[in-house]
């Protein structure tokens, strides 16, 4: 009957690093190229075209140029807002795209005492329904009471941007039950950045990975071309722009970690590729800042890497523990300070009791938090001679 593209979670402008923001847009451009080459009947964007309701002007200019190409090719585009490009006021730059004639927002609904009624957008015998994603997953409670204003005899497509129960796995989030969703022939979903199908409920995955973990897991973006007459109606289109090279290194000594990482990078072919440097381990008696990341990045540039992202979330610093045997538990603070001072002689130790006392003062009635904080700071500074 029809051939259309199902797209979601483009997140244009989402990456703060310019090289990755560029790749995100290149992935979107490749998607538009594919839709034009395949001469599709129409395109669906199931939310989060932009990463915010008010994207930067440069992002808008480039995006409008791509939608103009789609329009000139005679391919209609139907869209809904996602949780990122949604606005409580209901006004977003999706409205500007629509007014320019580049797309049609199919989120047409009315609230009644019995629930929320969705009205169809009719396109050449296809009935398209849509409901926007909202912040904090607030759309899920609405979707539980939605009904479709019927379009008899038409192929029905329902676009919405949320989490369904069959796809959430172990995520501790609210999810709408698929059994409560009104019947349709195809459900074009967005929001979860996964390639997932349950019956005719489909998530196509993001057009480009949106964070470090997604780059590791997905490597590149994707979308689906749906052919309602084909035996296998779903064709996954991979949007591969750059190769991704994951590099996981465990370190124990920050002073030797720089050479260790550079040595590993030297073994790899990273030219014009994205390197994902994930460092883990527990440092003994050093800090993360002792690793010379500027030197590592300079080496990667010499090897003509496209871009290198690093992740040190699993790199911990071992804290030195004080082994103090306290016998006088009635005066534990005083004895702890005494023993510590004997083990670690310093003029500063003389100030410790006074500092402890200064921090024991209480907030006065009617005193603001800022005033109380400033009073604590001033007292401590005087004791330390500042």
Protein backbone atom coordinates (compact mmCIF):
# COMPACT_ATOMS: atom_id res chain seq x y z
CA UNK A 1 0.00 0.00 0.00
CA UNK A 2 2.61 2.59 1.13
CA UNK A 3 6.33 2.93 1.82
CA UNK A 4 7.36 5.35 4.52
CA UNK A 5 10.28 6.18 6.84
CA UNK A 6 9.90 5.88 10.60
CA UNK A 7 12.39 8.17 12.35
CA UNK A 8 12.74 9.20 15.99
CA UNK A 9 15.16 10.83 18.43
CA UNK A 10 17.27 12.91 16.08
CA UNK A 11 18.33 15.27 18.90
CA UNK A 12 19.87 17.89 16.62
CA UNK A 13 22.09 20.15 18.74
CA UNK A 14 22.37 17.60 21.53
CA UNK A 15 26.13 17.07 21.50
CA UNK A 16 28.16 19.89 23.05
CA UNK A 17 31.37 18.78 21.29
CA UNK A 18 31.28 20.31 17.80
CA UNK A 19 32.81 17.30 15.95
CA UNK A 20 30.08 15.03 17.33
CA UNK A 21 27.38 17.62 16.73
CA UNK A 22 28.57 17.68 13.11
CA UNK A 23 28.30 13.88 12.87
CA UNK A 24 24.80 14.02 14.29
CA UNK A 25 23.77 16.36 11.51
CA UNK A 26 25.61 14.34 8.84
CA UNK A 27 23.65 11.30 10.00
CA UNK A 28 20.39 13.26 9.62
CA UNK A 29 21.45 14.44 6.14
CA UNK A 30 22.24 10.86 5.12
CA UNK A 31 18.76 9.90 6.31
CA UNK A 32 17.17 12.57 4.11
CA UNK A 33 19.34 11.42 1.16
CA UNK A 34 18.05 7.87 1.63
CA UNK A 35 14.40 8.94 1.81
CA UNK A 36 14.77 10.88 -1.45
CA UNK A 37 16.69 8.09 -3.21
CA UNK A 38 14.06 5.52 -2.18
CA UNK A 39 11.28 7.88 -3.33
CA UNK A 40 9.21 7.18 -0.22
CA UNK A 41 5.56 8.14 0.09
CA UNK A 42 6.09 10.06 3.32
CA UNK A 43 8.28 10.41 6.43
CA UNK A 44 7.32 10.10 10.11
CA UNK A 45 9.36 11.75 12.89
CA UNK A 46 8.16 10.40 16.25
CA UNK A 47 9.54 13.12 18.53
CA UNK A 48 12.81 14.78 19.58
CA UNK A 49 13.83 16.24 16.24
CA UNK A 50 15.68 18.84 18.29
CA UNK A 51 17.39 18.39 21.65
CA UNK A 52 15.53 21.37 23.08
CA UNK A 53 12.38 23.35 22.38
CA UNK A 54 14.53 26.35 21.41
CA UNK A 55 17.55 25.15 19.40
CA UNK A 56 20.38 27.49 18.31
CA UNK A 57 19.83 29.47 15.11
CA UNK A 58 22.62 27.63 13.23
CA UNK A 59 20.96 24.29 13.95
CA UNK A 60 17.65 25.67 12.70
CA UNK A 61 19.14 27.00 9.45
CA UNK A 62 20.76 23.68 8.59
CA UNK A 63 17.63 21.73 9.54
CA UNK A 64 15.37 23.93 7.41
CA UNK A 65 17.66 23.33 4.42
CA UNK A 66 17.24 19.55 4.78
CA UNK A 67 13.45 19.80 5.11
CA UNK A 68 13.41 21.99 1.99
CA UNK A 69 15.15 19.19 0.08
CA UNK A 70 12.50 16.75 1.28
CA UNK A 71 9.69 19.09 0.22
CA UNK A 72 11.24 19.72 -3.20
CA UNK A 73 11.36 15.95 -3.69
CA UNK A 74 7.60 15.84 -3.06
CA UNK A 75 7.84 13.75 0.12
CA UNK A 76 5.47 14.88 2.91
CA UNK A 77 6.68 14.77 6.51
CA UNK A 78 4.51 14.15 9.56
CA UNK A 79 5.82 14.92 13.02
CA UNK A 80 5.07 15.06 16.75
CA UNK A 81 6.97 16.70 19.62
CA UNK A 82 9.09 14.58 21.95
CA UNK A 83 10.07 15.11 25.56
CA UNK A 84 13.02 17.29 24.49
CA UNK A 85 11.38 19.51 21.89
CA UNK A 86 8.09 19.67 23.83
CA UNK A 87 7.07 22.95 25.45
CA UNK A 88 4.42 23.36 28.15
CA UNK A 89 3.16 26.43 26.28
CA UNK A 90 2.66 24.22 23.23
CA UNK A 91 4.77 26.57 21.11
CA UNK A 92 8.03 25.16 19.72
CA UNK A 93 10.11 25.49 16.58
CA UNK A 94 8.18 22.54 15.19
CA UNK A 95 5.44 25.13 14.65
CA UNK A 96 7.84 27.20 12.54
CA UNK A 97 8.64 24.14 10.41
CA UNK A 98 4.94 23.52 9.96
CA UNK A 99 4.14 27.12 9.04
CA UNK A 100 6.95 27.02 6.47
CA UNK A 101 5.14 24.09 4.86
CA UNK A 102 7.91 21.58 5.60
CA UNK A 103 5.92 19.21 7.81
CA UNK A 104 2.58 18.57 9.48
CA UNK A 105 2.22 18.11 13.25
CA UNK A 106 -0.36 15.32 13.62
CA UNK A 107 -0.96 15.87 17.35
CA UNK A 108 -4.60 16.92 17.02
CA UNK A 109 -6.61 16.08 20.14
CA UNK A 110 -9.32 17.29 22.50
CA UNK A 111 -9.92 16.51 26.15
CA UNK A 112 -13.35 15.35 27.22
CA UNK A 113 -14.90 14.01 30.41
CA UNK A 114 -14.40 10.49 29.08
CA UNK A 115 -10.73 10.92 28.12
CA UNK A 116 -8.64 12.33 25.29
CA UNK A 117 -9.90 12.01 21.72
CA UNK A 118 -7.33 12.01 18.90
CA UNK A 119 -8.40 13.30 15.51
CA UNK A 120 -6.74 11.85 12.39
CA UNK A 121 -4.68 13.64 9.80
CA UNK A 122 -5.75 12.06 6.50
CA UNK A 123 -3.15 11.59 3.77
CA UNK A 124 -4.06 9.64 0.63
CA UNK A 125 -6.16 7.08 2.46
CA UNK A 126 -3.85 6.87 5.52
CA UNK A 127 -5.11 8.04 8.93
CA UNK A 128 -2.29 9.44 11.07
CA UNK A 129 -2.79 10.03 14.80
CA UNK A 130 -0.28 11.59 17.18
CA UNK A 131 0.26 12.48 20.80
CA UNK A 132 3.36 14.39 22.01
CA UNK A 133 5.93 13.28 24.55
CA UNK A 134 6.18 15.40 27.67
CA UNK A 135 8.73 16.15 30.36
CA UNK A 136 9.19 13.53 33.09
CA UNK A 137 7.09 10.95 31.24
CA UNK A 138 3.81 12.76 32.01
CA UNK A 139 2.33 11.59 28.72
CA UNK A 140 2.00 8.01 30.01
CA UNK A 141 -1.03 8.77 32.19
CA UNK A 142 -2.67 10.55 29.25
CA UNK A 143 -2.07 7.64 26.88
CA UNK A 144 -3.98 5.35 29.24
CA UNK A 145 -7.19 7.29 28.52
CA UNK A 146 -6.77 8.03 24.81
CA UNK A 147 -9.32 7.09 22.17
CA UNK A 148 -9.10 7.44 18.40
CA UNK A 149 -11.71 9.29 16.38
CA UNK A 150 -12.22 6.45 13.94
CA UNK A 151 -11.40 6.58 10.24
CA UNK A 152 -13.17 3.49 8.83
CA UNK A 153 -11.41 1.50 6.13
CA UNK A 154 -8.13 3.43 6.40
CA UNK A 155 -4.65 2.23 7.35
CA UNK A 156 -4.13 3.70 10.82
CA UNK A 157 -0.76 4.91 12.10
CA UNK A 158 -0.43 6.06 15.72
CA UNK A 159 2.65 8.15 16.56
CA UNK A 160 3.60 8.69 20.19
CA UNK A 161 6.74 9.36 22.21
CA UNK A 162 6.91 7.39 25.44
CA UNK A 163 7.96 4.14 27.12
CA UNK A 164 5.78 1.06 26.63
CA UNK A 165 5.73 -1.73 29.18
CA UNK A 166 7.02 -4.36 26.74
CA UNK A 167 10.18 -2.36 26.08
CA UNK A 168 11.16 -0.89 29.45
CA UNK A 169 12.98 -3.96 30.78
CA UNK A 170 14.26 -3.26 34.29
CA UNK A 171 14.15 0.54 33.98
CA UNK A 172 12.52 2.05 37.11
CA UNK A 173 10.20 4.30 35.11
CA UNK A 174 6.51 4.52 34.39
CA UNK A 175 5.44 2.83 31.17
CA UNK A 176 2.11 2.71 29.38
CA UNK A 177 0.58 -0.73 28.98
CA UNK A 178 0.24 -1.72 25.31
CA UNK A 179 -3.11 -3.35 26.07
CA UNK A 180 -4.50 0.11 26.90
CA UNK A 181 -3.38 1.67 23.60
CA UNK A 182 -6.16 2.01 20.97
CA UNK A 183 -5.93 -0.33 18.00
CA UNK A 184 -3.89 0.81 15.01
CA UNK A 185 -2.13 -0.87 12.08
CA UNK A 186 1.30 0.58 12.94
CA UNK A 187 2.67 2.28 16.05
CA UNK A 188 5.52 4.70 15.30
CA UNK A 189 7.29 5.13 18.63
CA UNK A 190 10.08 7.34 19.89
CA UNK A 191 11.78 8.16 23.22
CA UNK A 192 13.68 4.95 24.04
CA UNK A 193 16.95 4.89 22.10
CA UNK A 194 16.63 1.24 21.18
CA UNK A 195 15.94 -0.86 18.08
CA UNK A 196 12.86 -2.70 19.34
CA UNK A 197 9.76 -4.37 17.94
CA UNK A 198 6.78 -5.87 19.71
CA UNK A 199 4.05 -6.89 17.31
CA UNK A 200 3.43 -3.65 15.37
CA UNK A 201 4.94 -1.38 18.07
CA UNK A 202 8.32 -0.18 16.78
CA UNK A 203 11.20 1.90 18.16
CA UNK A 204 13.70 2.65 15.34
CA UNK A 205 16.60 3.74 17.58
CA UNK A 206 18.20 7.22 17.50
CA UNK A 207 19.42 8.81 14.28
CA UNK A 208 22.78 9.22 16.02
CA UNK A 209 23.94 8.00 19.46
CA UNK A 210 23.34 10.70 22.05
CA UNK A 211 25.98 9.94 24.70
CA UNK A 212 29.16 7.96 25.48
CA UNK A 213 27.32 4.76 26.43
CA UNK A 214 25.15 4.84 23.31
CA UNK A 215 28.22 5.29 21.10
CA UNK A 216 29.72 2.21 22.78
CA UNK A 217 26.57 0.14 22.42
CA UNK A 218 25.09 1.28 19.10
CA UNK A 219 28.15 2.63 17.21
CA UNK A 220 25.88 4.53 14.79
CA UNK A 221 22.27 5.61 14.22
CA UNK A 222 19.40 3.96 12.38
CA UNK A 223 15.83 4.28 11.16
CA UNK A 224 13.23 2.05 9.50
CA UNK A 225 11.64 2.00 6.08
CA UNK A 226 8.20 0.42 6.30
CA UNK A 227 6.68 -1.24 3.24
CA UNK A 228 3.15 -2.33 4.06
CA UNK A 229 2.95 -4.67 1.05
CA UNK A 230 6.27 -6.48 1.59
CA UNK A 231 6.46 -9.85 3.34
CA UNK A 232 9.08 -8.40 5.67
CA UNK A 233 7.58 -4.96 6.12
CA UNK A 234 10.45 -3.47 8.17
CA UNK A 235 13.82 -2.62 6.63
CA UNK A 236 16.41 -1.28 9.04
CA UNK A 237 18.66 1.40 7.55
CA UNK A 238 21.99 1.88 9.32
CA UNK A 239 23.42 5.40 9.33
CA UNK A 240 27.12 4.67 9.62
CA UNK A 241 29.24 7.82 9.37
CA UNK A 242 32.45 7.06 11.31
CA UNK A 243 33.92 3.91 12.82
CA UNK A 244 33.91 3.76 16.61
CA UNK A 245 36.90 2.30 18.48
CA UNK A 246 36.16 1.48 22.14
CA UNK A 247 39.23 1.33 24.40
CA UNK A 248 38.88 0.13 27.99
CA UNK A 249 41.93 0.42 30.23
CA UNK A 250 42.36 -0.41 33.90
CA UNK A 251 44.95 1.66 35.74
CA UNK A 252 46.35 1.54 39.26
CA UNK A 253 49.04 4.20 39.13
CA UNK A 254 48.20 7.64 37.76
CA UNK A 255 51.88 8.46 37.27
CA UNK A 256 52.35 5.61 34.77
CA UNK A 257 48.81 5.70 33.33
CA UNK A 258 49.64 8.30 30.67
CA UNK A 259 52.27 6.08 29.02
CA UNK A 260 50.04 3.04 29.47
CA UNK A 261 47.17 4.70 27.59
CA UNK A 262 49.37 6.12 24.84
CA UNK A 263 50.94 2.70 24.33
CA UNK A 264 47.50 1.15 23.82
CA UNK A 265 46.46 3.90 21.42
CA UNK A 266 49.63 3.35 19.42
CA UNK A 267 48.60 -0.25 18.77
CA UNK A 268 45.28 0.77 17.21
CA UNK A 269 44.21 2.11 13.83
CA UNK A 270 42.34 5.24 14.94
CA UNK A 271 42.74 7.50 11.90
CA UNK A 272 39.48 9.34 11.16
CA UNK A 273 37.68 7.29 13.81
CA UNK A 274 35.91 8.03 17.09
CA UNK A 275 37.86 6.70 20.07
CA UNK A 276 35.94 5.99 23.26
CA UNK A 277 38.47 5.92 26.07
CA UNK A 278 36.96 4.37 29.19
CA UNK A 279 39.36 4.28 32.16
CA UNK A 280 38.65 2.30 35.30
CA UNK A 281 40.52 1.19 38.39
CA UNK A 282 41.51 2.40 41.85
CA UNK A 283 44.41 4.79 42.20
CA UNK A 284 46.65 4.46 45.22
CA UNK A 285 48.00 7.74 46.66
CA UNK A 286 47.33 9.70 43.44
CA UNK A 287 44.60 11.78 41.87
CA UNK A 288 42.83 11.51 38.52
CA UNK A 289 44.36 14.86 37.60
CA UNK A 290 47.81 13.23 37.71
CA UNK A 291 46.96 11.53 34.42
CA UNK A 292 48.15 13.82 31.59
CA UNK A 293 45.06 13.84 29.42
CA UNK A 294 46.29 16.76 27.31
CA UNK A 295 49.32 14.69 26.32
CA UNK A 296 47.10 11.71 25.49
CA UNK A 297 44.82 13.85 23.33
CA UNK A 298 47.81 15.37 21.52
CA UNK A 299 49.08 11.88 20.71
CA UNK A 300 45.64 10.90 19.38
CA UNK A 301 45.63 14.00 17.15
CA UNK A 302 49.02 13.01 15.77
CA UNK A 303 47.49 9.69 14.80
CA UNK A 304 44.74 11.68 13.01
CA UNK A 305 41.87 10.55 15.23
CA UNK A 306 38.53 12.13 14.29
CA UNK A 307 37.56 12.67 17.92
CA UNK A 308 38.32 11.11 21.28
CA UNK A 309 35.85 10.96 24.16
CA UNK A 310 36.95 9.86 27.61
CA UNK A 311 35.01 8.45 30.53
CA UNK A 312 36.54 8.20 34.02
CA UNK A 313 33.36 7.40 35.92
CA UNK A 314 34.77 4.05 37.10
CA UNK A 315 38.17 5.49 38.05
CA UNK A 316 38.32 5.78 41.83
CA UNK A 317 40.84 7.23 44.24
CA UNK A 318 41.72 5.11 47.25
CA UNK A 319 41.31 7.18 50.37
CA UNK A 320 43.96 6.93 53.03
CA UNK A 321 42.52 5.45 56.18
CA UNK A 322 43.51 6.55 59.66
CA UNK A 323 44.34 3.61 61.87
CA UNK A 324 43.57 5.02 65.30
CA UNK A 325 42.78 2.93 68.35
CA UNK A 326 40.59 5.06 70.60
CA UNK A 327 40.21 3.90 74.21
CA UNK A 328 38.40 6.88 75.75
CA UNK A 329 35.02 6.71 73.99
CA UNK A 330 33.57 9.44 76.23
CA UNK A 331 35.96 11.96 74.65
CA UNK A 332 36.38 10.38 71.24
CA UNK A 333 36.94 13.64 69.35
CA UNK A 334 39.63 14.91 71.70
CA UNK A 335 41.50 11.59 71.81
CA UNK A 336 41.29 11.15 68.02
CA UNK A 337 42.81 14.61 67.47
CA UNK A 338 45.50 13.89 70.10
CA UNK A 339 46.52 10.55 68.53
CA UNK A 340 46.41 11.97 64.99
CA UNK A 341 48.59 14.92 66.06
CA UNK A 342 51.17 12.58 67.61
CA UNK A 343 51.30 10.49 64.44
CA UNK A 344 51.30 13.54 62.12
CA UNK A 345 53.18 16.41 63.84
CA UNK A 346 52.21 19.85 62.50
CA UNK A 347 51.62 23.40 63.75
CA UNK A 348 48.18 23.20 62.16
CA UNK A 349 47.16 20.54 64.69
CA UNK A 350 46.95 23.23 67.38
CA UNK A 351 44.05 24.81 65.51
CA UNK A 352 41.98 21.63 65.14
CA UNK A 353 40.16 21.80 68.53
CA UNK A 354 39.27 25.47 68.00
CA UNK A 355 38.02 24.74 64.46
CA UNK A 356 35.85 21.90 65.76
CA UNK A 357 34.37 24.26 68.35
CA UNK A 358 33.72 26.97 65.78
CA UNK A 359 31.81 24.49 63.59
CA UNK A 360 29.65 23.50 66.57
CA UNK A 361 27.89 26.87 66.79
CA UNK A 362 24.16 26.80 66.07
CA UNK A 363 22.04 28.80 63.69
CA UNK A 364 20.27 31.63 65.54
CA UNK A 365 16.53 32.24 65.46
CA UNK A 366 15.64 34.26 62.37
CA UNK A 367 19.15 34.00 60.90
CA UNK A 368 19.21 33.25 57.18
CA UNK A 369 21.17 30.28 55.83
CA UNK A 370 23.50 32.60 53.91
CA UNK A 371 24.17 34.71 57.01
CA UNK A 372 24.84 31.61 59.11
CA UNK A 373 27.22 30.18 56.48
CA UNK A 374 29.10 33.46 56.23
CA UNK A 375 29.43 33.62 60.04
CA UNK A 376 30.92 30.12 60.12
CA UNK A 377 33.35 30.99 57.34
CA UNK A 378 34.48 34.25 58.95
CA UNK A 379 35.10 32.54 62.32
CA UNK A 380 37.13 29.79 60.66
CA UNK A 381 39.17 32.28 58.63
CA UNK A 382 40.08 34.29 61.76
CA UNK A 383 41.25 31.15 63.55
CA UNK A 384 43.44 30.24 60.58
CA UNK A 385 44.83 33.76 60.23
CA UNK A 386 43.22 34.59 56.87
